[in-house]
Amino acid sequence: MKHPATALLPLLLTVLAGCSSVTPNYDAKFGDAVRQAKLKMTINPDAGNNPDQVSGMDGKSAREGITNYQLSYKSPPPAVNVINIGGSIGGGK
């Protein structure tokens, strides 16, 4: 009389062989969704190959822009108080 495990061995091998043939298809496409999303968010993928640097802003304007940006964190502009006359706050009915 055969051992019960020997009867299940061919069935187990068949199931494992069926599962292993599916994963190469998934592995080949792994990460495609992320790569496609990154490409859709990039305006100009070849921007690094452009030898013409940023044009339209001179050095003085660029320096003042950066300085104002950095100073905005040291002393942020004051908050503006809004007086809502005749309207509801929060969109309640």
N, C-alpha and C. Protein backbone atom coordinates (compact mmCIF):
# COMPACT_ATOMS: atom_id res chain seq x y z
N MET A 1 0.84 -1.17 0.00
CA MET A 1 0.00 0.00 0.00
C MET A 1 0.88 1.24 0.00
N LYS A 2 0.50 2.20 -0.83
CA LYS A 2 1.27 3.43 -0.96
C LYS A 2 1.01 4.34 0.23
N HIS A 3 2.01 5.12 0.50
CA HIS A 3 1.87 6.13 1.56
C HIS A 3 0.99 7.26 1.03
N PRO A 4 0.09 7.86 1.84
CA PRO A 4 -0.82 8.92 1.35
C PRO A 4 -0.07 10.16 0.84
N ALA A 5 1.09 10.44 1.38
CA ALA A 5 1.84 11.62 0.94
C ALA A 5 2.35 11.45 -0.48
N THR A 6 2.64 10.25 -0.91
CA THR A 6 3.13 10.03 -2.27
C THR A 6 2.03 10.27 -3.29
N ALA A 7 0.79 10.08 -2.92
CA ALA A 7 -0.33 10.35 -3.83
C ALA A 7 -0.55 11.85 -3.98
N LEU A 8 -0.25 12.64 -2.96
CA LEU A 8 -0.45 14.08 -3.01
C LEU A 8 0.72 14.81 -3.65
N LEU A 9 1.86 14.15 -3.75
CA LEU A 9 3.05 14.80 -4.31
C LEU A 9 2.86 15.27 -5.75
N PRO A 10 2.32 14.48 -6.65
CA PRO A 10 2.11 14.99 -8.02
C PRO A 10 1.13 16.17 -8.07
N LEU A 11 0.11 16.13 -7.25
CA LEU A 11 -0.84 17.23 -7.20
C LEU A 11 -0.17 18.51 -6.69
N LEU A 12 0.64 18.38 -5.66
CA LEU A 12 1.36 19.53 -5.10
C LEU A 12 2.34 20.10 -6.13
N LEU A 13 3.05 19.25 -6.84
CA LEU A 13 3.98 19.73 -7.86
C LEU A 13 3.26 20.43 -9.01
N THR A 14 2.10 19.94 -9.39
CA THR A 14 1.31 20.57 -10.46
C THR A 14 0.84 21.96 -10.05
N VAL A 15 0.38 22.07 -8.82
CA VAL A 15 -0.10 23.37 -8.33
C VAL A 15 1.06 24.36 -8.27
N LEU A 16 2.20 23.93 -7.76
CA LEU A 16 3.36 24.82 -7.67
C LEU A 16 3.87 25.22 -9.04
N ALA A 17 3.84 24.33 -10.00
CA ALA A 17 4.29 24.66 -11.35
C ALA A 17 3.35 25.67 -12.00
N GLY A 18 2.07 25.57 -11.73
CA GLY A 18 1.11 26.53 -12.28
C GLY A 18 1.31 27.92 -11.71
N CYS A 19 1.65 28.01 -10.45
CA CYS A 19 1.86 29.32 -9.82
C CYS A 19 3.16 29.97 -10.28
N SER A 20 4.16 29.18 -10.53
CA SER A 20 5.46 29.76 -10.90
C SER A 20 5.46 30.32 -12.32
N SER A 21 4.54 29.87 -13.16
CA SER A 21 4.53 30.36 -14.54
C SER A 21 3.85 31.72 -14.66
N VAL A 22 3.16 32.18 -13.63
CA VAL A 22 2.43 33.43 -13.68
C VAL A 22 3.32 34.61 -13.29
N THR A 23 4.20 34.44 -12.34
CA THR A 23 4.96 35.56 -11.79
C THR A 23 5.90 36.24 -12.78
N PRO A 24 6.50 35.59 -13.77
CA PRO A 24 7.35 36.36 -14.69
C PRO A 24 6.60 37.47 -15.42
N ASN A 25 5.32 37.25 -15.71
CA ASN A 25 4.53 38.30 -16.37
C ASN A 25 4.36 39.50 -15.45
N TYR A 26 4.12 39.24 -14.17
CA TYR A 26 3.97 40.34 -13.21
C TYR A 26 5.31 41.01 -12.95
N ASP A 27 6.36 40.23 -12.84
CA ASP A 27 7.68 40.78 -12.55
C ASP A 27 8.18 41.68 -13.67
N ALA A 28 7.84 41.35 -14.90
CA ALA A 28 8.30 42.16 -16.03
C ALA A 28 7.65 43.54 -16.04
N LYS A 29 6.45 43.66 -15.48
CA LYS A 29 5.73 44.93 -15.48
C LYS A 29 5.76 45.62 -14.12
N PHE A 30 6.51 45.08 -13.18
CA PHE A 30 6.53 45.64 -11.83
C PHE A 30 7.11 47.05 -11.85
N GLY A 31 6.37 48.01 -11.32
CA GLY A 31 6.83 49.40 -11.25
C GLY A 31 6.42 50.24 -12.44
N ASP A 32 5.75 49.67 -13.42
CA ASP A 32 5.35 50.44 -14.61
C ASP A 32 4.41 51.59 -14.24
N ALA A 33 3.49 51.36 -13.32
CA ALA A 33 2.53 52.41 -12.96
C ALA A 33 3.24 53.61 -12.35
N VAL A 34 4.24 53.36 -11.52
CA VAL A 34 4.98 54.46 -10.90
C VAL A 34 5.79 55.21 -11.95
N ARG A 35 6.43 54.48 -12.84
CA ARG A 35 7.22 55.14 -13.90
C ARG A 35 6.32 55.96 -14.82
N GLN A 36 5.14 55.46 -15.15
CA GLN A 36 4.22 56.22 -16.00
C GLN A 36 3.71 57.47 -15.29
N ALA A 37 3.44 57.37 -14.00
CA ALA A 37 2.98 58.54 -13.25
C ALA A 37 4.08 59.60 -13.19
N LYS A 38 5.33 59.18 -13.00
CA LYS A 38 6.44 60.14 -12.96
C LYS A 38 6.61 60.83 -14.31
N LEU A 39 6.46 60.08 -15.39
CA LEU A 39 6.58 60.68 -16.72
C LEU A 39 5.46 61.69 -16.99
N LYS A 40 4.25 61.39 -16.50
CA LYS A 40 3.14 62.31 -16.72
C LYS A 40 3.29 63.59 -15.91
N MET A 41 4.03 63.53 -14.80
CA MET A 41 4.23 64.71 -13.97
C MET A 41 5.41 65.56 -14.45
N THR A 42 6.22 65.04 -15.34
CA THR A 42 7.38 65.77 -15.82
C THR A 42 7.00 66.57 -17.05
N ILE A 43 7.19 67.88 -16.98
CA ILE A 43 6.81 68.74 -18.10
C ILE A 43 7.73 68.51 -19.29
N ASN A 44 9.03 68.57 -19.05
CA ASN A 44 10.01 68.40 -20.13
C ASN A 44 11.06 67.39 -19.68
N PRO A 45 10.93 66.13 -20.08
CA PRO A 45 11.89 65.12 -19.65
C PRO A 45 13.32 65.38 -20.15
N ASP A 46 13.48 66.12 -21.25
CA ASP A 46 14.81 66.37 -21.81
C ASP A 46 15.38 67.72 -21.37
N ALA A 47 14.89 68.28 -20.29
CA ALA A 47 15.34 69.60 -19.84
C ALA A 47 16.82 69.59 -19.47
N GLY A 48 17.32 68.50 -18.95
CA GLY A 48 18.73 68.43 -18.56
C GLY A 48 19.67 68.45 -19.75
N ASN A 49 19.19 68.11 -20.92
CA ASN A 49 20.02 68.10 -22.13
C ASN A 49 20.08 69.45 -22.82
N ASN A 50 19.31 70.43 -22.34
CA ASN A 50 19.26 71.75 -22.96
C ASN A 50 20.45 72.58 -22.49
N PRO A 51 21.36 72.97 -23.40
CA PRO A 51 22.52 73.76 -22.98
C PRO A 51 22.16 75.19 -22.61
N ASP A 52 21.02 75.70 -23.07
CA ASP A 52 20.59 77.06 -22.75
C ASP A 52 20.01 77.07 -21.34
N GLN A 53 20.67 77.76 -20.44
CA GLN A 53 20.21 77.80 -19.06
C GLN A 53 18.98 78.68 -18.95
N VAL A 54 18.51 78.88 -17.76
CA VAL A 54 17.31 79.66 -17.52
C VAL A 54 17.49 81.05 -18.10
N SER A 55 16.57 81.46 -18.91
CA SER A 55 16.65 82.78 -19.51
C SER A 55 15.48 83.62 -19.03
N GLY A 56 15.67 84.93 -19.06
CA GLY A 56 14.58 85.81 -18.69
C GLY A 56 14.73 86.42 -17.32
N MET A 57 15.71 86.00 -16.52
CA MET A 57 15.91 86.57 -15.20
C MET A 57 17.38 86.89 -15.03
N ASP A 58 17.67 88.14 -14.77
CA ASP A 58 19.07 88.52 -14.58
C ASP A 58 19.51 88.19 -13.15
N GLY A 59 20.79 88.35 -12.90
CA GLY A 59 21.36 87.98 -11.61
C GLY A 59 20.80 88.77 -10.44
N LYS A 60 20.61 90.08 -10.62
CA LYS A 60 20.11 90.92 -9.53
C LYS A 60 18.68 90.53 -9.15
N SER A 61 17.84 90.31 -10.14
CA SER A 61 16.45 89.91 -9.87
C SER A 61 16.39 88.55 -9.19
N ALA A 62 17.22 87.64 -9.63
CA ALA A 62 17.24 86.31 -9.03
C ALA A 62 17.70 86.38 -7.58
N ARG A 63 18.75 87.19 -7.30
CA ARG A 63 19.25 87.32 -5.94
C ARG A 63 18.19 87.94 -5.03
N GLU A 64 17.51 88.98 -5.50
CA GLU A 64 16.47 89.62 -4.69
C GLU A 64 15.30 88.66 -4.44
N GLY A 65 14.96 87.86 -5.44
CA GLY A 65 13.89 86.89 -5.26
C GLY A 65 14.22 85.86 -4.20
N ILE A 66 15.44 85.35 -4.22
CA ILE A 66 15.88 84.37 -3.22
C ILE A 66 15.94 85.01 -1.84
N THR A 67 16.46 86.25 -1.77
CA THR A 67 16.56 86.94 -0.48
C THR A 67 15.17 87.16 0.12
N ASN A 68 14.23 87.63 -0.68
CA ASN A 68 12.86 87.83 -0.19
C ASN A 68 12.23 86.51 0.25
N TYR A 69 12.51 85.46 -0.47
CA TYR A 69 11.97 84.14 -0.12
C TYR A 69 12.51 83.70 1.24
N GLN A 70 13.82 83.85 1.44
CA GLN A 70 14.42 83.44 2.71
C GLN A 70 13.95 84.31 3.87
N LEU A 71 13.81 85.61 3.63
CA LEU A 71 13.35 86.51 4.69
C LEU A 71 11.88 86.27 5.06
N SER A 72 11.11 85.71 4.14
CA SER A 72 9.69 85.47 4.43
C SER A 72 9.53 84.45 5.55
N TYR A 73 10.53 83.61 5.78
CA TYR A 73 10.47 82.64 6.86
C TYR A 73 10.93 83.25 8.18
N LYS A 74 11.81 84.24 8.12
CA LYS A 74 12.28 84.90 9.35
C LYS A 74 11.22 85.83 9.91
N SER A 75 10.57 86.57 9.05
CA SER A 75 9.50 87.47 9.49
C SER A 75 8.35 87.36 8.51
N PRO A 76 7.47 86.38 8.74
CA PRO A 76 6.36 86.19 7.81
C PRO A 76 5.41 87.38 7.80
N PRO A 77 4.72 87.61 6.71
CA PRO A 77 3.78 88.73 6.65
C PRO A 77 2.66 88.54 7.66
N PRO A 78 2.10 89.64 8.15
CA PRO A 78 1.02 89.52 9.15
C PRO A 78 -0.23 88.87 8.55
N ALA A 79 -0.96 88.20 9.40
CA ALA A 79 -2.20 87.55 8.97
C ALA A 79 -3.26 88.61 8.68
N VAL A 80 -4.06 88.36 7.69
CA VAL A 80 -5.11 89.29 7.30
C VAL A 80 -6.41 88.82 7.94
N ASN A 81 -7.05 89.72 8.70
CA ASN A 81 -8.33 89.39 9.30
C ASN A 81 -9.44 89.67 8.29
N VAL A 82 -10.28 88.68 8.08
CA VAL A 82 -11.39 88.82 7.14
C VAL A 82 -12.68 88.95 7.93
N ILE A 83 -13.42 89.99 7.66
CA ILE A 83 -14.72 90.19 8.31
C ILE A 83 -15.78 89.73 7.32
N ASN A 84 -16.51 88.72 7.72
CA ASN A 84 -17.53 88.16 6.85
C ASN A 84 -18.88 88.72 7.26
N ILE A 85 -19.38 89.65 6.48
CA ILE A 85 -20.65 90.30 6.80
C ILE A 85 -21.76 89.67 5.95
N GLY A 86 -22.75 89.14 6.60
CA GLY A 86 -23.91 88.60 5.89
C GLY A 86 -23.72 87.20 5.35
N GLY A 87 -22.65 86.56 5.64
CA GLY A 87 -22.43 85.21 5.12
C GLY A 87 -22.24 84.24 6.27
N SER A 88 -22.35 82.98 5.97
CA SER A 88 -22.15 81.97 7.00
C SER A 88 -20.75 81.42 6.90
N ILE A 89 -20.21 81.01 8.02
CA ILE A 89 -18.88 80.42 8.05
C ILE A 89 -19.04 78.91 8.06
N GLY A 90 -18.30 78.24 7.22
CA GLY A 90 -18.34 76.79 7.19
C GLY A 90 -19.35 76.22 6.23
N GLY A 91 -20.07 77.05 5.52
CA GLY A 91 -21.00 76.57 4.50
C GLY A 91 -22.25 75.93 5.05
N GLY A 92 -22.57 76.14 6.34
CA GLY A 92 -23.79 75.56 6.90
C GLY A 92 -25.04 76.22 6.35
N LYS A 93 -26.14 75.51 6.38
CA LYS A 93 -27.40 76.06 5.85
C LYS A 93 -28.34 76.40 6.96
